[in-house]
Amino acid sequence: MKLLVGLGNPGPDYARTRHNVGFLVADEVARMTGASFTLRKFGAEVAEAVAGGERFWIVKPQTYMNHSGEAVGAAMRFWKLPAADLVVVHDDLELDSFRVQVKVGGGHGGHNGLKSVNAHVGSPDYARVRVGVGRPPAQVDPADWVLGRFPRAEDRDVVDVVERGAAAARVVVVDGAAKAMNEFNRRKSPAE
């Protein structure tokens, strides 16, 4: 069994912000699998899902980004899961906008949600689905950038990256991170 966590902030003030792309991907995985966020446990919204014969839980922490690990750690302990069974979907400033990459382990790169997850899980050695939001323009503070909403002109790009992020998360859960990395991490050539 796996735990798929989408990172974000709860409430309408944060909907459609770059920082909430993890929630958008979690919602899309739930839609793809016919799952519903009917449970409220661990300070999170929780949905039970099945894909490719693999049963897993989709979790959206409601503890705000900087304390995401509280919900993740509680869920991991409850289901007695090792870090290897955790998949976290998050926004990434260091990745070009609308790119999706999968990795296992590594640092938090200044991402407070990942910092909290690492602290509460006790290990950084879990799969991550990174959704690129790009670096802000020079005059914009990175915190303001990630808490800013995607412009309406980017609606199609947002839908596309959320679908790709959900597909990547599903592959990690069903077939493993290595297969997902092979499928999603390569840059497409202009001819593709």
N, C-alpha and C. Protein backbone atom coordinates (compact mmCIF):
# COMPACT_ATOMS: atom_id res chain seq x y z
N MET A 1 0.85 -1.19 0.00
CA MET A 1 0.00 0.00 0.00
C MET A 1 0.89 1.24 0.00
N LYS A 2 0.44 2.26 -0.70
CA LYS A 2 1.20 3.50 -0.81
C LYS A 2 0.38 4.67 -0.28
N LEU A 3 1.10 5.74 0.03
CA LEU A 3 0.48 6.99 0.46
C LEU A 3 0.88 8.05 -0.55
N LEU A 4 -0.10 8.62 -1.25
CA LEU A 4 0.14 9.69 -2.21
C LEU A 4 -0.32 11.00 -1.58
N VAL A 5 0.60 11.92 -1.40
CA VAL A 5 0.31 13.18 -0.71
C VAL A 5 0.46 14.34 -1.68
N GLY A 6 -0.57 15.16 -1.78
CA GLY A 6 -0.48 16.41 -2.53
C GLY A 6 -0.30 17.54 -1.53
N LEU A 7 0.74 18.34 -1.70
CA LEU A 7 0.99 19.45 -0.76
C LEU A 7 0.27 20.71 -1.23
N GLY A 8 -0.24 21.47 -0.26
CA GLY A 8 -0.92 22.72 -0.56
C GLY A 8 -1.40 23.37 0.72
N ASN A 9 -2.16 24.44 0.56
CA ASN A 9 -2.77 25.15 1.67
C ASN A 9 -4.28 25.06 1.54
N PRO A 10 -4.98 24.86 2.66
CA PRO A 10 -6.44 24.74 2.59
C PRO A 10 -7.13 26.10 2.41
N GLY A 11 -8.34 26.04 1.91
CA GLY A 11 -9.19 27.23 1.85
C GLY A 11 -9.17 27.94 0.50
N PRO A 12 -10.23 28.71 0.25
CA PRO A 12 -10.40 29.38 -1.05
C PRO A 12 -9.34 30.44 -1.34
N ASP A 13 -8.73 31.02 -0.30
CA ASP A 13 -7.71 32.04 -0.54
C ASP A 13 -6.50 31.49 -1.28
N TYR A 14 -6.28 30.18 -1.16
CA TYR A 14 -5.10 29.56 -1.77
C TYR A 14 -5.41 28.74 -3.02
N ALA A 15 -6.68 28.63 -3.35
CA ALA A 15 -7.06 27.85 -4.54
C ALA A 15 -6.40 28.46 -5.77
N ARG A 16 -5.95 27.60 -6.68
CA ARG A 16 -5.32 28.01 -7.94
C ARG A 16 -4.00 28.73 -7.78
N THR A 17 -3.39 28.68 -6.59
CA THR A 17 -2.05 29.27 -6.45
C THR A 17 -1.02 28.23 -6.87
N ARG A 18 0.16 28.72 -7.21
CA ARG A 18 1.25 27.82 -7.62
C ARG A 18 1.59 26.83 -6.51
N HIS A 19 1.53 27.31 -5.27
CA HIS A 19 1.87 26.46 -4.12
C HIS A 19 0.88 25.31 -3.94
N ASN A 20 -0.30 25.42 -4.54
CA ASN A 20 -1.34 24.40 -4.36
C ASN A 20 -1.42 23.41 -5.50
N VAL A 21 -0.42 23.37 -6.35
CA VAL A 21 -0.47 22.46 -7.48
C VAL A 21 -0.49 21.01 -7.00
N GLY A 22 0.07 20.74 -5.83
CA GLY A 22 0.01 19.38 -5.26
C GLY A 22 -1.42 18.95 -4.98
N PHE A 23 -2.23 19.88 -4.46
CA PHE A 23 -3.65 19.60 -4.23
C PHE A 23 -4.36 19.34 -5.55
N LEU A 24 -4.05 20.15 -6.58
CA LEU A 24 -4.70 19.98 -7.88
C LEU A 24 -4.39 18.60 -8.46
N VAL A 25 -3.14 18.17 -8.32
CA VAL A 25 -2.76 16.85 -8.83
C VAL A 25 -3.46 15.75 -8.02
N ALA A 26 -3.50 15.90 -6.70
CA ALA A 26 -4.20 14.91 -5.86
C ALA A 26 -5.67 14.81 -6.25
N ASP A 27 -6.30 15.95 -6.51
CA ASP A 27 -7.70 15.95 -6.94
C ASP A 27 -7.87 15.22 -8.27
N GLU A 28 -6.90 15.42 -9.19
CA GLU A 28 -6.97 14.78 -10.50
C GLU A 28 -6.77 13.27 -10.38
N VAL A 29 -5.85 12.83 -9.52
CA VAL A 29 -5.68 11.39 -9.30
C VAL A 29 -6.96 10.79 -8.74
N ALA A 30 -7.58 11.49 -7.80
CA ALA A 30 -8.86 11.02 -7.24
C ALA A 30 -9.91 10.91 -8.34
N ARG A 31 -9.99 11.92 -9.21
CA ARG A 31 -10.96 11.90 -10.30
C ARG A 31 -10.69 10.71 -11.23
N MET A 32 -9.42 10.49 -11.59
CA MET A 32 -9.03 9.41 -12.50
C MET A 32 -9.39 8.03 -11.93
N THR A 33 -9.32 7.89 -10.63
CA THR A 33 -9.54 6.59 -9.99
C THR A 33 -10.94 6.44 -9.40
N GLY A 34 -11.76 7.49 -9.51
CA GLY A 34 -13.11 7.44 -8.95
C GLY A 34 -13.14 7.52 -7.44
N ALA A 35 -12.07 8.05 -6.85
CA ALA A 35 -11.99 8.16 -5.38
C ALA A 35 -12.60 9.48 -4.91
N SER A 36 -13.03 9.51 -3.65
CA SER A 36 -13.61 10.73 -3.06
C SER A 36 -12.94 11.01 -1.73
N PHE A 37 -12.73 12.30 -1.46
CA PHE A 37 -12.15 12.71 -0.19
C PHE A 37 -13.25 12.75 0.87
N THR A 38 -13.64 11.57 1.34
CA THR A 38 -14.74 11.47 2.29
C THR A 38 -14.25 11.35 3.73
N LEU A 39 -12.97 11.03 3.92
CA LEU A 39 -12.43 10.87 5.28
C LEU A 39 -11.71 12.13 5.72
N ARG A 40 -11.81 12.43 7.00
CA ARG A 40 -11.05 13.51 7.63
C ARG A 40 -10.26 12.86 8.76
N LYS A 41 -8.98 12.65 8.53
CA LYS A 41 -8.10 12.01 9.52
C LYS A 41 -6.75 12.70 9.47
N PHE A 42 -6.03 12.64 10.56
CA PHE A 42 -4.64 13.11 10.63
C PHE A 42 -4.50 14.60 10.31
N GLY A 43 -5.57 15.37 10.40
CA GLY A 43 -5.50 16.77 9.98
C GLY A 43 -5.43 16.88 8.47
N ALA A 44 -6.09 15.95 7.77
CA ALA A 44 -6.02 15.91 6.32
C ALA A 44 -7.34 15.42 5.73
N GLU A 45 -7.54 15.72 4.44
CA GLU A 45 -8.60 15.10 3.67
C GLU A 45 -7.99 13.85 3.06
N VAL A 46 -8.72 12.72 3.16
CA VAL A 46 -8.17 11.43 2.75
C VAL A 46 -9.17 10.71 1.84
N ALA A 47 -8.62 10.10 0.77
CA ALA A 47 -9.44 9.30 -0.14
C ALA A 47 -8.75 7.95 -0.35
N GLU A 48 -9.54 6.90 -0.39
CA GLU A 48 -9.01 5.57 -0.69
C GLU A 48 -9.17 5.33 -2.19
N ALA A 49 -8.10 4.88 -2.84
CA ALA A 49 -8.12 4.71 -4.29
C ALA A 49 -7.50 3.38 -4.68
N VAL A 50 -7.81 2.95 -5.90
CA VAL A 50 -7.20 1.75 -6.48
C VAL A 50 -6.84 2.09 -7.92
N ALA A 51 -5.61 1.73 -8.32
CA ALA A 51 -5.18 1.90 -9.71
C ALA A 51 -4.24 0.75 -10.04
N GLY A 52 -4.47 0.12 -11.18
CA GLY A 52 -3.62 -0.99 -11.59
C GLY A 52 -3.52 -2.09 -10.56
N GLY A 53 -4.59 -2.29 -9.81
CA GLY A 53 -4.60 -3.33 -8.78
C GLY A 53 -3.93 -2.91 -7.49
N GLU A 54 -3.37 -1.70 -7.44
CA GLU A 54 -2.67 -1.20 -6.24
C GLU A 54 -3.62 -0.32 -5.43
N ARG A 55 -3.84 -0.69 -4.18
CA ARG A 55 -4.65 0.12 -3.27
C ARG A 55 -3.74 1.17 -2.65
N PHE A 56 -4.22 2.42 -2.61
CA PHE A 56 -3.42 3.49 -2.01
C PHE A 56 -4.33 4.57 -1.44
N TRP A 57 -3.75 5.40 -0.62
CA TRP A 57 -4.46 6.51 0.00
C TRP A 57 -3.97 7.82 -0.59
N ILE A 58 -4.90 8.70 -0.90
CA ILE A 58 -4.56 10.04 -1.38
C ILE A 58 -4.81 10.99 -0.21
N VAL A 59 -3.82 11.78 0.13
CA VAL A 59 -3.90 12.65 1.30
C VAL A 59 -3.62 14.10 0.92
N LYS A 60 -4.49 15.00 1.38
CA LYS A 60 -4.26 16.44 1.23
C LYS A 60 -4.21 17.05 2.64
N PRO A 61 -3.00 17.28 3.18
CA PRO A 61 -2.90 17.86 4.52
C PRO A 61 -3.61 19.21 4.61
N GLN A 62 -4.34 19.41 5.69
CA GLN A 62 -5.06 20.66 5.91
C GLN A 62 -4.39 21.50 6.99
N THR A 63 -3.13 21.20 7.26
CA THR A 63 -2.36 21.82 8.34
C THR A 63 -1.56 23.03 7.85
N TYR A 64 -1.78 23.46 6.63
CA TYR A 64 -1.02 24.50 5.94
C TYR A 64 0.35 23.95 5.58
N MET A 65 0.89 24.50 4.51
CA MET A 65 2.11 23.97 3.88
C MET A 65 3.24 23.73 4.88
N ASN A 66 3.52 24.73 5.72
CA ASN A 66 4.69 24.64 6.60
C ASN A 66 4.58 23.54 7.64
N HIS A 67 3.39 22.99 7.83
CA HIS A 67 3.18 21.92 8.82
C HIS A 67 2.64 20.65 8.16
N SER A 68 2.82 20.50 6.86
CA SER A 68 2.31 19.34 6.13
C SER A 68 2.77 18.03 6.72
N GLY A 69 3.99 18.00 7.22
CA GLY A 69 4.56 16.77 7.75
C GLY A 69 3.80 16.20 8.93
N GLU A 70 3.10 17.06 9.67
CA GLU A 70 2.32 16.57 10.82
C GLU A 70 1.29 15.55 10.35
N ALA A 71 0.55 15.89 9.30
CA ALA A 71 -0.47 14.98 8.75
C ALA A 71 0.18 13.77 8.10
N VAL A 72 1.26 14.01 7.35
CA VAL A 72 1.92 12.91 6.64
C VAL A 72 2.52 11.92 7.63
N GLY A 73 3.22 12.43 8.63
CA GLY A 73 3.82 11.55 9.64
C GLY A 73 2.77 10.73 10.38
N ALA A 74 1.66 11.36 10.74
CA ALA A 74 0.58 10.65 11.45
C ALA A 74 0.01 9.53 10.58
N ALA A 75 -0.21 9.80 9.30
CA ALA A 75 -0.75 8.79 8.38
C ALA A 75 0.25 7.65 8.20
N MET A 76 1.52 7.98 8.05
CA MET A 76 2.56 6.95 7.87
C MET A 76 2.62 6.03 9.10
N ARG A 77 2.56 6.63 10.27
CA ARG A 77 2.60 5.82 11.51
C ARG A 77 1.34 4.96 11.64
N PHE A 78 0.19 5.53 11.31
CA PHE A 78 -1.07 4.80 11.43
C PHE A 78 -1.06 3.55 10.55
N TRP A 79 -0.62 3.71 9.30
CA TRP A 79 -0.60 2.58 8.37
C TRP A 79 0.73 1.81 8.39
N LYS A 80 1.64 2.23 9.29
CA LYS A 80 2.94 1.55 9.45
C LYS A 80 3.68 1.43 8.12
N LEU A 81 3.77 2.56 7.42
CA LEU A 81 4.41 2.58 6.11
C LEU A 81 5.84 3.13 6.20
N PRO A 82 6.76 2.54 5.46
CA PRO A 82 8.11 3.10 5.38
C PRO A 82 8.14 4.25 4.39
N ALA A 83 9.20 5.03 4.43
CA ALA A 83 9.35 6.17 3.51
C ALA A 83 9.27 5.72 2.05
N ALA A 84 9.70 4.50 1.76
CA ALA A 84 9.67 3.98 0.39
C ALA A 84 8.25 3.89 -0.17
N ASP A 85 7.23 3.90 0.69
CA ASP A 85 5.84 3.82 0.23
C ASP A 85 5.16 5.18 0.16
N LEU A 86 5.94 6.25 0.30
CA LEU A 86 5.41 7.61 0.27
C LEU A 86 5.72 8.26 -1.07
N VAL A 87 4.70 8.92 -1.64
CA VAL A 87 4.85 9.70 -2.86
C VAL A 87 4.30 11.10 -2.57
N VAL A 88 5.12 12.13 -2.74
CA VAL A 88 4.70 13.50 -2.44
C VAL A 88 4.71 14.32 -3.72
N VAL A 89 3.61 15.01 -3.98
CA VAL A 89 3.49 15.89 -5.15
C VAL A 89 3.58 17.34 -4.65
N HIS A 90 4.50 18.11 -5.27
CA HIS A 90 4.70 19.49 -4.79
C HIS A 90 5.13 20.41 -5.91
N ASP A 91 4.95 21.70 -5.69
CA ASP A 91 5.42 22.73 -6.61
C ASP A 91 6.93 22.85 -6.47
N ASP A 92 7.59 23.28 -7.54
CA ASP A 92 9.05 23.39 -7.51
C ASP A 92 9.50 24.63 -8.28
N LEU A 93 10.09 25.58 -7.57
CA LEU A 93 10.60 26.82 -8.18
C LEU A 93 11.78 26.57 -9.11
N GLU A 94 12.54 25.52 -8.85
CA GLU A 94 13.76 25.26 -9.62
C GLU A 94 13.49 24.52 -10.93
N LEU A 95 12.26 24.18 -11.16
CA LEU A 95 11.89 23.46 -12.38
C LEU A 95 11.11 24.43 -13.27
N ASP A 96 11.42 24.42 -14.57
CA ASP A 96 10.71 25.31 -15.50
C ASP A 96 9.20 25.15 -15.34
N SER A 97 8.49 26.24 -15.53
CA SER A 97 7.03 26.20 -15.43
C SER A 97 6.45 25.10 -16.31
N PHE A 98 5.51 24.37 -15.75
CA PHE A 98 4.73 23.34 -16.44
C PHE A 98 5.54 22.12 -16.85
N ARG A 99 6.69 21.89 -16.20
CA ARG A 99 7.42 20.64 -16.37
C ARG A 99 7.08 19.72 -15.21
N VAL A 100 7.10 18.44 -15.46
CA VAL A 100 6.89 17.43 -14.42
C VAL A 100 8.12 16.54 -14.39
N GLN A 101 8.65 16.33 -13.19
CA GLN A 101 9.78 15.42 -13.01
C GLN A 101 9.54 14.58 -11.77
N VAL A 102 10.07 13.37 -11.81
CA VAL A 102 9.97 12.45 -10.67
C VAL A 102 11.38 12.23 -10.15
N LYS A 103 11.52 12.21 -8.83
CA LYS A 103 12.81 11.89 -8.23
C LYS A 103 12.56 11.17 -6.91
N VAL A 104 13.59 10.53 -6.41
CA VAL A 104 13.52 9.88 -5.11
C VAL A 104 14.60 10.48 -4.24
N GLY A 105 14.19 10.92 -3.05
CA GLY A 105 15.15 11.47 -2.10
C GLY A 105 15.64 12.85 -2.48
N GLY A 106 16.64 13.30 -1.73
CA GLY A 106 17.21 14.62 -1.97
C GLY A 106 16.80 15.60 -0.89
N GLY A 107 17.31 16.80 -1.02
CA GLY A 107 17.02 17.84 -0.04
C GLY A 107 15.65 18.45 -0.24
N HIS A 108 15.37 19.46 0.57
CA HIS A 108 14.07 20.13 0.48
C HIS A 108 14.13 21.37 -0.40
N GLY A 109 15.33 21.84 -0.74
CA GLY A 109 15.48 22.98 -1.63
C GLY A 109 14.79 24.23 -1.14
N GLY A 110 14.65 24.37 0.18
CA GLY A 110 13.98 25.54 0.74
C GLY A 110 12.47 25.44 0.75
N HIS A 111 11.92 24.33 0.29
CA HIS A 111 10.46 24.14 0.27
C HIS A 111 10.01 23.75 1.67
N ASN A 112 9.25 24.61 2.32
CA ASN A 112 8.86 24.37 3.72
C ASN A 112 7.97 23.15 3.90
N GLY A 113 7.17 22.82 2.89
CA GLY A 113 6.35 21.62 2.98
C GLY A 113 7.21 20.37 3.02
N LEU A 114 8.20 20.31 2.12
CA LEU A 114 9.12 19.17 2.11
C LEU A 114 9.95 19.12 3.39
N LYS A 115 10.37 20.28 3.87
CA LYS A 115 11.15 20.35 5.11
C LYS A 115 10.35 19.72 6.26
N SER A 116 9.06 20.04 6.33
CA SER A 116 8.18 19.50 7.36
C SER A 116 7.97 18.00 7.18
N VAL A 117 7.75 17.56 5.94
CA VAL A 117 7.56 16.13 5.68
C VAL A 117 8.83 15.36 6.08
N ASN A 118 10.00 15.85 5.67
CA ASN A 118 11.25 15.19 6.03
C ASN A 118 11.38 15.04 7.55
N ALA A 119 11.06 16.10 8.27
CA ALA A 119 11.20 16.08 9.73
C ALA A 119 10.24 15.07 10.37
N HIS A 120 9.02 14.99 9.88
CA HIS A 120 8.01 14.12 10.51
C HIS A 120 8.06 12.67 10.02
N VAL A 121 8.61 12.46 8.83
CA VAL A 121 8.74 11.10 8.32
C VAL A 121 10.07 10.51 8.80
N GLY A 122 11.04 11.39 9.06
CA GLY A 122 12.33 10.94 9.56
C GLY A 122 13.31 10.54 8.47
N SER A 123 12.93 10.81 7.22
CA SER A 123 13.80 10.46 6.10
C SER A 123 13.37 11.26 4.87
N PRO A 124 14.34 11.65 4.04
CA PRO A 124 14.00 12.30 2.77
C PRO A 124 13.86 11.29 1.62
N ASP A 125 13.98 10.01 1.94
CA ASP A 125 14.06 8.97 0.90
C ASP A 125 12.69 8.46 0.47
N TYR A 126 11.92 9.35 -0.13
CA TYR A 126 10.61 9.00 -0.67
C TYR A 126 10.51 9.59 -2.08
N ALA A 127 9.57 9.11 -2.85
CA ALA A 127 9.38 9.60 -4.22
C ALA A 127 8.70 10.95 -4.20
N ARG A 128 9.13 11.80 -5.13
CA ARG A 128 8.52 13.13 -5.27
C ARG A 128 8.12 13.34 -6.73
N VAL A 129 6.94 13.87 -6.92
CA VAL A 129 6.51 14.32 -8.23
C VAL A 129 6.60 15.83 -8.18
N ARG A 130 7.59 16.36 -8.88
CA ARG A 130 7.87 17.80 -8.87
C ARG A 130 7.13 18.46 -10.03
N VAL A 131 6.37 19.49 -9.71
CA VAL A 131 5.63 20.22 -10.74
C VAL A 131 6.23 21.62 -10.81
N GLY A 132 6.85 21.93 -11.94
CA GLY A 132 7.55 23.19 -12.09
C GLY A 132 6.63 24.40 -12.12
N VAL A 133 6.99 25.41 -11.33
CA VAL A 133 6.28 26.69 -11.36
C VAL A 133 7.23 27.81 -11.78
N GLY A 134 8.50 27.46 -12.05
CA GLY A 134 9.48 28.43 -12.53
C GLY A 134 9.89 29.45 -11.49
N ARG A 135 10.97 30.16 -11.79
CA ARG A 135 11.46 31.22 -10.92
C ARG A 135 10.65 32.49 -11.19
N PRO A 136 10.43 33.29 -10.15
CA PRO A 136 9.72 34.55 -10.36
C PRO A 136 10.59 35.58 -11.07
N PRO A 137 9.97 36.60 -11.66
CA PRO A 137 10.76 37.71 -12.19
C PRO A 137 11.62 38.31 -11.07
N ALA A 138 12.72 38.97 -11.41
CA ALA A 138 13.70 39.48 -10.43
C ALA A 138 13.07 40.34 -9.33
N GLN A 139 12.04 41.11 -9.66
CA GLN A 139 11.45 42.04 -8.69
C GLN A 139 10.39 41.38 -7.79
N VAL A 140 10.10 40.08 -8.01
CA VAL A 140 9.04 39.40 -7.25
C VAL A 140 9.66 38.44 -6.22
N ASP A 141 9.21 38.56 -4.98
CA ASP A 141 9.67 37.68 -3.91
C ASP A 141 9.18 36.25 -4.20
N PRO A 142 10.06 35.23 -4.05
CA PRO A 142 9.64 33.85 -4.31
C PRO A 142 8.41 33.42 -3.50
N ALA A 143 8.28 33.89 -2.25
CA ALA A 143 7.10 33.54 -1.44
C ALA A 143 5.83 34.11 -2.06
N ASP A 144 5.91 35.35 -2.54
CA ASP A 144 4.75 35.95 -3.20
C ASP A 144 4.42 35.21 -4.50
N TRP A 145 5.47 34.77 -5.20
CA TRP A 145 5.29 34.05 -6.47
C TRP A 145 4.52 32.75 -6.26
N VAL A 146 4.96 31.92 -5.29
CA VAL A 146 4.29 30.63 -5.11
C VAL A 146 2.89 30.80 -4.54
N LEU A 147 2.67 31.88 -3.78
CA LEU A 147 1.33 32.11 -3.23
C LEU A 147 0.44 32.89 -4.20
N GLY A 148 1.00 33.26 -5.35
CA GLY A 148 0.22 33.94 -6.38
C GLY A 148 -0.55 32.93 -7.23
N ARG A 149 -1.65 33.40 -7.78
CA ARG A 149 -2.48 32.54 -8.62
C ARG A 149 -1.89 32.44 -10.03
N PHE A 150 -2.15 31.29 -10.67
CA PHE A 150 -1.80 31.17 -12.09
C PHE A 150 -2.67 32.15 -12.86
N PRO A 151 -2.10 32.89 -13.81
CA PRO A 151 -2.92 33.79 -14.62
C PRO A 151 -3.91 33.00 -15.47
N ARG A 152 -5.06 33.56 -15.74
CA ARG A 152 -6.09 32.89 -16.54
C ARG A 152 -5.56 32.52 -17.92
N ALA A 153 -4.63 33.29 -18.44
CA ALA A 153 -4.06 32.99 -19.76
C ALA A 153 -3.32 31.65 -19.76
N GLU A 154 -2.97 31.15 -18.57
CA GLU A 154 -2.25 29.89 -18.47
C GLU A 154 -3.17 28.71 -18.12
N ASP A 155 -4.47 28.91 -18.17
CA ASP A 155 -5.42 27.86 -17.80
C ASP A 155 -5.14 26.53 -18.51
N ARG A 156 -4.92 26.57 -19.83
CA ARG A 156 -4.70 25.33 -20.58
C ARG A 156 -3.41 24.64 -20.11
N ASP A 157 -2.36 25.44 -19.86
CA ASP A 157 -1.10 24.89 -19.37
C ASP A 157 -1.27 24.27 -17.99
N VAL A 158 -2.07 24.90 -17.14
CA VAL A 158 -2.31 24.37 -15.79
C VAL A 158 -3.03 23.02 -15.89
N VAL A 159 -4.08 22.96 -16.71
CA VAL A 159 -4.81 21.70 -16.89
C VAL A 159 -3.86 20.61 -17.38
N ASP A 160 -3.02 20.95 -18.35
CA ASP A 160 -2.09 19.98 -18.94
C ASP A 160 -1.08 19.49 -17.90
N VAL A 161 -0.49 20.39 -17.13
CA VAL A 161 0.53 19.96 -16.16
C VAL A 161 -0.09 19.17 -15.02
N VAL A 162 -1.32 19.50 -14.64
CA VAL A 162 -2.00 18.74 -13.59
C VAL A 162 -2.29 17.32 -14.10
N GLU A 163 -2.72 17.19 -15.35
CA GLU A 163 -2.96 15.86 -15.91
C GLU A 163 -1.67 15.05 -15.99
N ARG A 164 -0.57 15.68 -16.42
CA ARG A 164 0.70 14.98 -16.49
C ARG A 164 1.22 14.63 -15.10
N GLY A 165 1.04 15.55 -14.15
CA GLY A 165 1.45 15.27 -12.77
C GLY A 165 0.68 14.10 -12.19
N ALA A 166 -0.61 14.05 -12.47
CA ALA A 166 -1.44 12.94 -11.97
C ALA A 166 -1.03 11.63 -12.64
N ALA A 167 -0.74 11.67 -13.94
CA ALA A 167 -0.29 10.47 -14.64
C ALA A 167 1.03 9.98 -14.06
N ALA A 168 1.94 10.90 -13.78
CA ALA A 168 3.24 10.54 -13.19
C ALA A 168 3.05 9.93 -11.81
N ALA A 169 2.20 10.55 -10.99
CA ALA A 169 1.94 10.04 -9.64
C ALA A 169 1.36 8.63 -9.70
N ARG A 170 0.44 8.41 -10.63
CA ARG A 170 -0.17 7.08 -10.79
C ARG A 170 0.89 6.05 -11.17
N VAL A 171 1.80 6.40 -12.09
CA VAL A 171 2.85 5.46 -12.48
C VAL A 171 3.76 5.15 -11.30
N VAL A 172 4.11 6.16 -10.50
CA VAL A 172 4.94 5.91 -9.32
C VAL A 172 4.25 4.91 -8.39
N VAL A 173 2.96 5.13 -8.13
CA VAL A 173 2.22 4.27 -7.22
C VAL A 173 2.10 2.84 -7.76
N VAL A 174 1.78 2.70 -9.04
CA VAL A 174 1.50 1.39 -9.61
C VAL A 174 2.76 0.65 -10.05
N ASP A 175 3.69 1.36 -10.72
CA ASP A 175 4.84 0.70 -11.34
C ASP A 175 6.19 1.08 -10.75
N GLY A 176 6.21 2.06 -9.85
CA GLY A 176 7.46 2.46 -9.21
C GLY A 176 8.07 3.72 -9.79
N ALA A 177 8.93 4.33 -8.97
CA ALA A 177 9.54 5.61 -9.34
C ALA A 177 10.46 5.49 -10.55
N ALA A 178 11.20 4.39 -10.68
CA ALA A 178 12.14 4.26 -11.80
C ALA A 178 11.41 4.32 -13.13
N LYS A 179 10.30 3.62 -13.24
CA LYS A 179 9.51 3.65 -14.49
C LYS A 179 8.97 5.06 -14.74
N ALA A 180 8.49 5.71 -13.68
CA ALA A 180 7.97 7.07 -13.83
C ALA A 180 9.06 8.03 -14.26
N MET A 181 10.27 7.89 -13.71
CA MET A 181 11.38 8.76 -14.11
C MET A 181 11.70 8.57 -15.59
N ASN A 182 11.74 7.33 -16.04
CA ASN A 182 12.01 7.06 -17.46
C ASN A 182 10.95 7.67 -18.37
N GLU A 183 9.72 7.65 -17.91
CA GLU A 183 8.62 8.12 -18.73
C GLU A 183 8.46 9.64 -18.72
N PHE A 184 8.69 10.28 -17.57
CA PHE A 184 8.33 11.68 -17.42
C PHE A 184 9.50 12.66 -17.34
N ASN A 185 10.72 12.18 -17.09
CA ASN A 185 11.82 13.12 -16.85
C ASN A 185 12.55 13.61 -18.09
N ARG A 186 12.36 12.94 -19.20
CA ARG A 186 13.11 13.38 -20.39
C ARG A 186 12.44 14.59 -21.02
N ARG A 187 13.27 15.48 -21.52
CA ARG A 187 12.76 16.64 -22.23
C ARG A 187 12.38 16.21 -23.64
N LYS A 188 11.25 16.71 -24.10
CA LYS A 188 10.83 16.38 -25.47
C LYS A 188 11.59 17.26 -26.45
N SER A 189 11.93 16.68 -27.56
CA SER A 189 12.59 17.46 -28.61
C SER A 189 11.51 18.27 -29.34
N PRO A 190 11.92 19.35 -30.01
CA PRO A 190 10.92 20.19 -30.72
C PRO A 190 10.11 19.40 -31.74
N ALA A 191 10.67 18.30 -32.26
CA ALA A 191 9.96 17.51 -33.27
C ALA A 191 8.83 16.67 -32.67
N GLU A 192 8.83 16.46 -31.34
CA GLU A 192 7.81 15.60 -30.72
C GLU A 192 6.55 16.36 -30.43
